[in-house]
Full PDB file with SEQRES, HELIX, SHEET, SSBOND, CRYST1, ORIGX, SCALE, CONECT and MASTER records, all heavy atoms in Angstrom:
SEQRES   1 A   31  LYS GLN TRP LYS GLU THR THR SER PRO LEU ILE LYS GLU          
SEQRES   2 A   31  VAL ALA ASN VAL ILE LYS ASN ILE GLU ASP PHE ASN SER          
SEQRES   3 A   31  ALA THR ILE GLU GLU                                          
HELIX    1 AA1 THR A    7  LYS A   19  1                                  13    
HELIX    2 AA2 SER A   26  GLU A   30  1                                   5    
CRYST1    1.000    1.000    1.000  90.00  90.00  90.00 P 1           1          
ORIGX1      1.000000  0.000000  0.000000        0.00000                         
ORIGX2      0.000000  1.000000  0.000000        0.00000                         
ORIGX3      0.000000  0.000000  1.000000        0.00000                         
SCALE1      1.000000  0.000000  0.000000        0.00000                         
SCALE2      0.000000  1.000000  0.000000        0.00000                         
SCALE3      0.000000  0.000000  1.000000        0.00000                         
ATOM      1  N   LYS A   1       0.817  -1.212   0.000  1.00  0.00           N  
ATOM      2  CA  LYS A   1      -0.001   0.000   0.001  1.00  0.00           C  
ATOM      3  C   LYS A   1       0.856   1.271  -0.002  1.00  0.00           C  
ATOM      4  O   LYS A   1       0.526   2.257  -0.677  1.00  0.00           O  
ATOM      5  CB  LYS A   1      -0.909  -0.006   1.235  1.00  0.00           C  
ATOM      6  CG  LYS A   1      -1.849   1.179   1.306  1.00  0.00           C  
ATOM      7  CD  LYS A   1      -2.760   1.073   2.522  1.00  0.00           C  
ATOM      8  CE  LYS A   1      -3.696   2.271   2.603  1.00  0.00           C  
ATOM      9  NZ  LYS A   1      -4.580   2.198   3.805  1.00  0.00           N  
ATOM     10  N   GLN A   2       1.976   1.254   0.714  1.00  0.00           N  
ATOM     11  CA  GLN A   2       2.726   2.487   0.949  1.00  0.00           C  
ATOM     12  C   GLN A   2       3.929   2.672   0.015  1.00  0.00           C  
ATOM     13  O   GLN A   2       4.366   3.800  -0.213  1.00  0.00           O  
ATOM     14  CB  GLN A   2       3.235   2.522   2.409  1.00  0.00           C  
ATOM     15  CG  GLN A   2       2.155   2.368   3.471  1.00  0.00           C  
ATOM     16  CD  GLN A   2       1.117   3.469   3.458  1.00  0.00           C  
ATOM     17  OE1 GLN A   2       1.359   4.546   2.882  1.00  0.00           O  
ATOM     18  NE2 GLN A   2      -0.043   3.217   4.042  1.00  0.00           N  
ATOM     19  N   TRP A   3       4.479   1.591  -0.506  1.00  0.00           N  
ATOM     20  CA  TRP A   3       5.727   1.715  -1.287  1.00  0.00           C  
ATOM     21  C   TRP A   3       5.403   1.656  -2.790  1.00  0.00           C  
ATOM     22  O   TRP A   3       5.189   0.605  -3.346  1.00  0.00           O  
ATOM     23  CB  TRP A   3       6.703   0.609  -0.909  1.00  0.00           C  
ATOM     24  CG  TRP A   3       8.129   1.038  -1.132  1.00  0.00           C  
ATOM     25  CD1 TRP A   3       8.806   1.048  -2.317  1.00  0.00           C  
ATOM     26  CD2 TRP A   3       9.027   1.541  -0.151  1.00  0.00           C  
ATOM     27  NE1 TRP A   3      10.077   1.525  -2.147  1.00  0.00           N  
ATOM     28  CE2 TRP A   3      10.249   1.841  -0.815  1.00  0.00           C  
ATOM     29  CE3 TRP A   3       8.950   1.776   1.214  1.00  0.00           C  
ATOM     30  CZ2 TRP A   3      11.372   2.351  -0.163  1.00  0.00           C  
ATOM     31  CZ3 TRP A   3      10.060   2.276   1.868  1.00  0.00           C  
ATOM     32  CH2 TRP A   3      11.250   2.565   1.178  1.00  0.00           C  
ATOM     33  N   LYS A   4       5.389   2.834  -3.414  1.00  0.00           N  
ATOM     34  CA  LYS A   4       5.094   2.940  -4.841  1.00  0.00           C  
ATOM     35  C   LYS A   4       6.399   3.081  -5.626  1.00  0.00           C  
ATOM     36  O   LYS A   4       7.490   3.119  -5.063  1.00  0.00           O  
ATOM     37  CB  LYS A   4       4.199   4.163  -5.098  1.00  0.00           C  
ATOM     38  CG  LYS A   4       2.946   4.232  -4.230  1.00  0.00           C  
ATOM     39  CD  LYS A   4       2.024   3.038  -4.450  1.00  0.00           C  
ATOM     40  CE  LYS A   4       0.756   3.153  -3.613  1.00  0.00           C  
ATOM     41  NZ  LYS A   4      -0.108   1.974  -3.760  1.00  0.00           N  
ATOM     42  N   GLU A   5       6.255   3.213  -6.956  1.00  0.00           N  
ATOM     43  CA  GLU A   5       7.447   3.344  -7.809  1.00  0.00           C  
ATOM     44  C   GLU A   5       8.234   4.599  -7.478  1.00  0.00           C  
ATOM     45  O   GLU A   5       9.455   4.644  -7.638  1.00  0.00           O  
ATOM     46  CB  GLU A   5       7.031   3.372  -9.290  1.00  0.00           C  
ATOM     47  CG  GLU A   5       6.521   2.033  -9.812  1.00  0.00           C  
ATOM     48  CD  GLU A   5       6.222   2.075 -11.305  1.00  0.00           C  
ATOM     49  OE1 GLU A   5       6.570   3.090 -11.937  1.00  0.00           O  
ATOM     50  OE2 GLU A   5       5.654   1.103 -11.819  1.00  0.00           O  
ATOM     51  N   THR A   6       7.555   5.657  -7.062  1.00  0.00           N  
ATOM     52  CA  THR A   6       8.233   6.935  -6.769  1.00  0.00           C  
ATOM     53  C   THR A   6       8.748   7.029  -5.337  1.00  0.00           C  
ATOM     54  O   THR A   6       9.362   8.021  -4.953  1.00  0.00           O  
ATOM     55  CB  THR A   6       7.248   8.093  -7.002  1.00  0.00           C  
ATOM     56  OG1 THR A   6       6.096   7.892  -6.158  1.00  0.00           O  
ATOM     57  CG2 THR A   6       6.809   8.152  -8.455  1.00  0.00           C  
ATOM     58  N   THR A   7       8.497   5.979  -4.526  1.00  0.00           N  
ATOM     59  CA  THR A   7       8.829   6.070  -3.098  1.00  0.00           C  
ATOM     60  C   THR A   7      10.335   6.046  -2.837  1.00  0.00           C  
ATOM     61  O   THR A   7      10.857   6.836  -2.050  1.00  0.00           O  
ATOM     62  CB  THR A   7       8.138   4.939  -2.315  1.00  0.00           C  
ATOM     63  OG1 THR A   7       6.730   5.030  -2.494  1.00  0.00           O  
ATOM     64  CG2 THR A   7       8.463   5.039  -0.835  1.00  0.00           C  
ATOM     65  N   SER A   8      11.052   5.154  -3.517  1.00  0.00           N  
ATOM     66  CA  SER A   8      12.484   5.017  -3.230  1.00  0.00           C  
ATOM     67  C   SER A   8      13.257   6.311  -3.427  1.00  0.00           C  
ATOM     68  O   SER A   8      14.056   6.702  -2.554  1.00  0.00           O  
ATOM     69  CB  SER A   8      13.088   3.891  -4.077  1.00  0.00           C  
ATOM     70  OG  SER A   8      12.564   2.640  -3.676  1.00  0.00           O  
ATOM     71  N   PRO A   9      13.067   7.039  -4.530  1.00  0.00           N  
ATOM     72  CA  PRO A   9      13.768   8.314  -4.683  1.00  0.00           C  
ATOM     73  C   PRO A   9      13.420   9.322  -3.568  1.00  0.00           C  
ATOM     74  O   PRO A   9      14.306  10.031  -3.081  1.00  0.00           O  
ATOM     75  CB  PRO A   9      13.295   8.824  -6.046  1.00  0.00           C  
ATOM     76  CG  PRO A   9      12.861   7.612  -6.787  1.00  0.00           C  
ATOM     77  CD  PRO A   9      12.314   6.696  -5.766  1.00  0.00           C  
ATOM     78  N   LEU A  10      12.159   9.368  -3.214  1.00  0.00           N  
ATOM     79  CA  LEU A  10      11.748  10.286  -2.137  1.00  0.00           C  
ATOM     80  C   LEU A  10      12.434   9.930  -0.816  1.00  0.00           C  
ATOM     81  O   LEU A  10      12.931  10.809  -0.097  1.00  0.00           O  
ATOM     82  CB  LEU A  10      10.229  10.217  -1.933  1.00  0.00           C  
ATOM     83  CG  LEU A  10       9.334  10.915  -2.974  1.00  0.00           C  
ATOM     84  CD1 LEU A  10       7.870  10.674  -2.640  1.00  0.00           C  
ATOM     85  CD2 LEU A  10       9.629  12.409  -3.006  1.00  0.00           C  
ATOM     86  N   ILE A  11      12.460   8.637  -0.488  1.00  0.00           N  
ATOM     87  CA  ILE A  11      13.043   8.215   0.787  1.00  0.00           C  
ATOM     88  C   ILE A  11      14.560   8.439   0.783  1.00  0.00           C  
ATOM     89  O   ILE A  11      15.155   8.750   1.814  1.00  0.00           O  
ATOM     90  CB  ILE A  11      12.694   6.728   1.061  1.00  0.00           C  
ATOM     91  CG1 ILE A  11      11.177   6.578   1.226  1.00  0.00           C  
ATOM     92  CG2 ILE A  11      13.389   6.222   2.309  1.00  0.00           C  
ATOM     93  CD1 ILE A  11      10.572   7.409   2.338  1.00  0.00           C  
ATOM     94  N   LYS A  12      15.181   8.317  -0.406  1.00  0.00           N  
ATOM     95  CA  LYS A  12      16.618   8.627  -0.497  1.00  0.00           C  
ATOM     96  C   LYS A  12      16.868  10.084  -0.153  1.00  0.00           C  
ATOM     97  O   LYS A  12      17.832  10.441   0.543  1.00  0.00           O  
ATOM     98  CB  LYS A  12      17.128   8.341  -1.913  1.00  0.00           C  
ATOM     99  CG  LYS A  12      17.447   6.882  -2.186  1.00  0.00           C  
ATOM    100  CD  LYS A  12      18.048   6.726  -3.582  1.00  0.00           C  
ATOM    101  CE  LYS A  12      18.356   5.253  -3.894  1.00  0.00           C  
ATOM    102  NZ  LYS A  12      18.929   5.087  -5.248  1.00  0.00           N  
ATOM    103  N   GLU A  13      16.014  10.987  -0.676  1.00  0.00           N  
ATOM    104  CA  GLU A  13      16.152  12.420  -0.384  1.00  0.00           C  
ATOM    105  C   GLU A  13      15.931  12.699   1.103  1.00  0.00           C  
ATOM    106  O   GLU A  13      16.617  13.538   1.704  1.00  0.00           O  
ATOM    107  CB  GLU A  13      15.172  13.223  -1.239  1.00  0.00           C  
ATOM    108  CG  GLU A  13      15.538  13.209  -2.723  1.00  0.00           C  
ATOM    109  CD  GLU A  13      14.586  14.061  -3.560  1.00  0.00           C  
ATOM    110  OE1 GLU A  13      13.883  14.892  -2.962  1.00  0.00           O  
ATOM    111  OE2 GLU A  13      14.548  13.864  -4.782  1.00  0.00           O  
ATOM    112  N   VAL A  14      14.962  12.002   1.716  1.00  0.00           N  
ATOM    113  CA  VAL A  14      14.725  12.156   3.156  1.00  0.00           C  
ATOM    114  C   VAL A  14      15.963  11.699   3.935  1.00  0.00           C  
ATOM    115  O   VAL A  14      16.358  12.330   4.925  1.00  0.00           O  
ATOM    116  CB  VAL A  14      13.491  11.340   3.588  1.00  0.00           C  
ATOM    117  CG1 VAL A  14      13.352  11.344   5.112  1.00  0.00           C  
ATOM    118  CG2 VAL A  14      12.225  11.903   2.955  1.00  0.00           C  
ATOM    119  N   ALA A  15      16.596  10.640   3.447  1.00  0.00           N  
ATOM    120  CA  ALA A  15      17.808  10.157   4.102  1.00  0.00           C  
ATOM    121  C   ALA A  15      18.902  11.220   4.067  1.00  0.00           C  
ATOM    122  O   ALA A  15      19.638  11.417   5.054  1.00  0.00           O  
ATOM    123  CB  ALA A  15      18.303   8.870   3.432  1.00  0.00           C  
ATOM    124  N   ASN A  16      19.019  11.934   2.936  1.00  0.00           N  
ATOM    125  CA  ASN A  16      20.014  13.005   2.845  1.00  0.00           C  
ATOM    126  C   ASN A  16      19.708  14.141   3.824  1.00  0.00           C  
ATOM    127  O   ASN A  16      20.616  14.717   4.426  1.00  0.00           O  
ATOM    128  CB  ASN A  16      20.065  13.562   1.420  1.00  0.00           C  
ATOM    129  CG  ASN A  16      20.774  12.608   0.463  1.00  0.00           C  
ATOM    130  OD1 ASN A  16      21.671  11.881   0.879  1.00  0.00           O  
ATOM    131  ND2 ASN A  16      20.364  12.583  -0.799  1.00  0.00           N  
ATOM    132  N   VAL A  17      18.408  14.446   3.960  1.00  0.00           N  
ATOM    133  CA  VAL A  17      18.012  15.473   4.932  1.00  0.00           C  
ATOM    134  C   VAL A  17      18.456  15.058   6.330  1.00  0.00           C  
ATOM    135  O   VAL A  17      19.044  15.842   7.081  1.00  0.00           O  
ATOM    136  CB  VAL A  17      16.484  15.693   4.888  1.00  0.00           C  
ATOM    137  CG1 VAL A  17      16.038  16.608   6.043  1.00  0.00           C  
ATOM    138  CG2 VAL A  17      16.061  16.285   3.555  1.00  0.00           C  
ATOM    139  N   ILE A  18      18.155  13.820   6.677  1.00  0.00           N  
ATOM    140  CA  ILE A  18      18.485  13.303   8.016  1.00  0.00           C  
ATOM    141  C   ILE A  18      20.002  13.271   8.221  1.00  0.00           C  
ATOM    142  O   ILE A  18      20.520  13.617   9.293  1.00  0.00           O  
ATOM    143  CB  ILE A  18      17.865  11.905   8.217  1.00  0.00           C  
ATOM    144  CG1 ILE A  18      16.334  12.027   8.270  1.00  0.00           C  
ATOM    145  CG2 ILE A  18      18.398  11.232   9.472  1.00  0.00           C  
ATOM    146  CD1 ILE A  18      15.593  10.699   8.279  1.00  0.00           C  
ATOM    147  N   LYS A  19      20.723  12.883   7.172  1.00  0.00           N  
ATOM    148  CA  LYS A  19      22.184  12.787   7.249  1.00  0.00           C  
ATOM    149  C   LYS A  19      22.821  14.118   7.606  1.00  0.00           C  
ATOM    150  O   LYS A  19      23.846  14.179   8.305  1.00  0.00           O  
ATOM    151  CB  LYS A  19      22.714  12.272   5.909  1.00  0.00           C  
ATOM    152  CG  LYS A  19      24.206  12.035   5.880  1.00  0.00           C  
ATOM    153  CD  LYS A  19      24.618  11.457   4.519  1.00  0.00           C  
ATOM    154  CE  LYS A  19      26.118  11.193   4.470  1.00  0.00           C  
ATOM    155  NZ  LYS A  19      26.521  10.647   3.140  1.00  0.00           N  
ATOM    156  N   ASN A  20      22.236  15.207   7.134  1.00  0.00           N  
ATOM    157  CA  ASN A  20      22.833  16.533   7.319  1.00  0.00           C  
ATOM    158  C   ASN A  20      22.375  17.238   8.600  1.00  0.00           C  
ATOM    159  O   ASN A  20      22.748  18.397   8.837  1.00  0.00           O  
ATOM    160  CB  ASN A  20      22.513  17.420   6.111  1.00  0.00           C  
ATOM    161  CG  ASN A  20      23.223  16.918   4.868  1.00  0.00           C  
ATOM    162  OD1 ASN A  20      24.389  16.518   4.935  1.00  0.00           O  
ATOM    163  ND2 ASN A  20      22.540  16.916   3.730  1.00  0.00           N  
ATOM    164  N   ILE A  21      21.561  16.565   9.422  1.00  0.00           N  
ATOM    165  CA  ILE A  21      21.126  17.174  10.681  1.00  0.00           C  
ATOM    166  C   ILE A  21      22.226  17.011  11.729  1.00  0.00           C  
ATOM    167  O   ILE A  21      22.670  15.889  12.010  1.00  0.00           O  
ATOM    168  CB  ILE A  21      19.815  16.524  11.173  1.00  0.00           C  
ATOM    169  CG1 ILE A  21      18.682  16.779  10.183  1.00  0.00           C  
ATOM    170  CG2 ILE A  21      19.424  17.071  12.556  1.00  0.00           C  
ATOM    171  CD1 ILE A  21      17.402  16.021  10.493  1.00  0.00           C  
ATOM    172  N   GLU A  22      22.668  18.109  12.302  1.00  0.00           N  
ATOM    173  CA  GLU A  22      23.729  18.043  13.315  1.00  0.00           C  
ATOM    174  C   GLU A  22      23.159  17.861  14.719  1.00  0.00           C  
ATOM    175  O   GLU A  22      23.644  17.040  15.489  1.00  0.00           O  
ATOM    176  CB  GLU A  22      24.588  19.309  13.249  1.00  0.00           C  
ATOM    177  CG  GLU A  22      25.388  19.419  11.953  1.00  0.00           C  
ATOM    178  CD  GLU A  22      26.326  20.617  11.953  1.00  0.00           C  
ATOM    179  OE1 GLU A  22      26.456  21.266  13.014  1.00  0.00           O  
ATOM    180  OE2 GLU A  22      26.923  20.886  10.894  1.00  0.00           O  
ATOM    181  N   ASP A  23      22.152  18.659  15.063  1.00  0.00           N  
ATOM    182  CA  ASP A  23      21.537  18.539  16.389  1.00  0.00           C  
ATOM    183  C   ASP A  23      20.473  17.449  16.312  1.00  0.00           C  
ATOM    184  O   ASP A  23      19.299  17.715  16.057  1.00  0.00           O  
ATOM    185  CB  ASP A  23      20.923  19.897  16.782  1.00  0.00           C  
ATOM    186  CG  ASP A  23      20.425  19.885  18.221  1.00  0.00           C  
ATOM    187  OD1 ASP A  23      20.701  18.888  18.934  1.00  0.00           O  
ATOM    188  OD2 ASP A  23      19.756  20.853  18.620  1.00  0.00           O  
ATOM    189  N   PHE A  24      20.883  16.201  16.538  1.00  0.00           N  
ATOM    190  CA  PHE A  24      20.048  15.045  16.223  1.00  0.00           C  
ATOM    191  C   PHE A  24      19.085  14.731  17.374  1.00  0.00           C  
ATOM    192  O   PHE A  24      19.307  13.851  18.206  1.00  0.00           O  
ATOM    193  CB  PHE A  24      20.918  13.821  15.908  1.00  0.00           C  
ATOM    194  CG  PHE A  24      20.221  12.788  15.052  1.00  0.00           C  
ATOM    195  CD1 PHE A  24      20.064  12.990  13.687  1.00  0.00           C  
ATOM    196  CD2 PHE A  24      19.713  11.614  15.607  1.00  0.00           C  
ATOM    197  CE1 PHE A  24      19.414  12.048  12.896  1.00  0.00           C  
ATOM    198  CE2 PHE A  24      19.083  10.675  14.820  1.00  0.00           C  
ATOM    199  CZ  PHE A  24      18.921  10.888  13.459  1.00  0.00           C  
ATOM    200  N   ASN A  25      17.982  15.456  17.432  1.00  0.00           N  
ATOM    201  CA  ASN A  25      16.938  15.186  18.422  1.00  0.00           C  
ATOM    202  C   ASN A  25      15.590  15.167  17.715  1.00  0.00           C  
ATOM    203  O   ASN A  25      15.443  15.649  16.583  1.00  0.00           O  
ATOM    204  CB  ASN A  25      16.942  16.232  19.534  1.00  0.00           C  
ATOM    205  CG  ASN A  25      16.688  17.626  19.009  1.00  0.00           C  
ATOM    206  OD1 ASN A  25      15.594  17.967  18.592  1.00  0.00           O  
ATOM    207  ND2 ASN A  25      17.745  18.465  18.992  1.00  0.00           N  
ATOM    208  N   SER A  26      14.612  14.636  18.362  1.00  0.00           N  
ATOM    209  CA  SER A  26      13.305  14.405  17.750  1.00  0.00           C  
ATOM    210  C   SER A  26      12.708  15.670  17.140  1.00  0.00           C  
ATOM    211  O   SER A  26      12.231  15.655  15.997  1.00  0.00           O  
ATOM    212  CB  SER A  26      12.342  13.814  18.786  1.00  0.00           C  
ATOM    213  OG  SER A  26      11.060  13.624  18.240  1.00  0.00           O  
ATOM    214  N   ALA A  27      12.730  16.750  17.887  1.00  0.00           N  
ATOM    215  CA  ALA A  27      12.106  17.997  17.419  1.00  0.00           C  
ATOM    216  C   ALA A  27      12.783  18.527  16.163  1.00  0.00           C  
ATOM    217  O   ALA A  27      12.121  18.935  15.195  1.00  0.00           O  
ATOM    218  CB  ALA A  27      12.148  19.038  18.523  1.00  0.00           C  
ATOM    219  N   THR A  28      14.116  18.512  16.152  1.00  0.00           N  
ATOM    220  CA  THR A  28      14.860  19.020  14.992  1.00  0.00           C  
ATOM    221  C   THR A  28      14.659  18.124  13.780  1.00  0.00           C  
ATOM    222  O   THR A  28      14.472  18.604  12.648  1.00  0.00           O  
ATOM    223  CB  THR A  28      16.365  19.111  15.327  1.00  0.00           C  
ATOM    224  OG1 THR A  28      16.540  19.933  16.487  1.00  0.00           O  
ATOM    225  CG2 THR A  28      17.147  19.710  14.171  1.00  0.00           C  
ATOM    226  N   ILE A  29      14.706  16.824  13.992  1.00  0.00           N  
ATOM    227  CA  ILE A  29      14.514  15.881  12.880  1.00  0.00           C  
ATOM    228  C   ILE A  29      13.129  16.090  12.261  1.00  0.00           C  
ATOM    229  O   ILE A  29      12.968  16.144  11.031  1.00  0.00           O  
ATOM    230  CB  ILE A  29      14.665  14.420  13.365  1.00  0.00           C  
ATOM    231  CG1 ILE A  29      16.038  14.187  14.003  1.00  0.00           C  
ATOM    232  CG2 ILE A  29      14.462  13.444  12.210  1.00  0.00           C  
ATOM    233  CD1 ILE A  29      16.133  12.922  14.837  1.00  0.00           C  
ATOM    234  N   GLU A  30      12.119  16.207  13.126  1.00  0.00           N  
ATOM    235  CA  GLU A  30      10.753  16.423  12.643  1.00  0.00           C  
ATOM    236  C   GLU A  30      10.652  17.721  11.851  1.00  0.00           C  
ATOM    237  O   GLU A  30      10.042  17.760  10.766  1.00  0.00           O  
ATOM    238  CB  GLU A  30       9.784  16.464  13.824  1.00  0.00           C  
ATOM    239  CG  GLU A  30       8.333  16.624  13.413  1.00  0.00           C  
ATOM    240  CD  GLU A  30       7.363  16.487  14.572  1.00  0.00           C  
ATOM    241  OE1 GLU A  30       7.814  16.346  15.736  1.00  0.00           O  
ATOM    242  OE2 GLU A  30       6.142  16.520  14.312  1.00  0.00           O  
ATOM    243  N   GLU A  31      11.277  18.770  12.372  1.00  0.00           N  
ATOM    244  CA  GLU A  31      11.226  20.078  11.702  1.00  0.00           C  
ATOM    245  C   GLU A  31      11.852  19.999  10.308  1.00  0.00           C  
ATOM    246  O   GLU A  31      11.271  20.483   9.318  1.00  0.00           O  
ATOM    247  CB  GLU A  31      11.969  21.110  12.554  1.00  0.00           C  
ATOM    248  CG  GLU A  31      12.024  22.503  11.943  1.00  0.00           C  
ATOM    249  CD  GLU A  31      12.913  23.444  12.735  1.00  0.00           C  
ATOM    250  OE1 GLU A  31      13.320  23.101  13.859  1.00  0.00           O  
ATOM    251  OE2 GLU A  31      13.222  24.531  12.205  1.00  0.00           O  
TER     252      GLU A  31                                                      
MASTER        0    0    0    2    0    0    0    6  251    1    0    3          
END                                                                             
């Protein structure tokens, strides 16, 4: 239901966002 053809590229970009977070806490990650 959740993993479509376009999902992998999107999740890769989210991974890059997460990778570049320095202050790694829930509030900052969510923001």
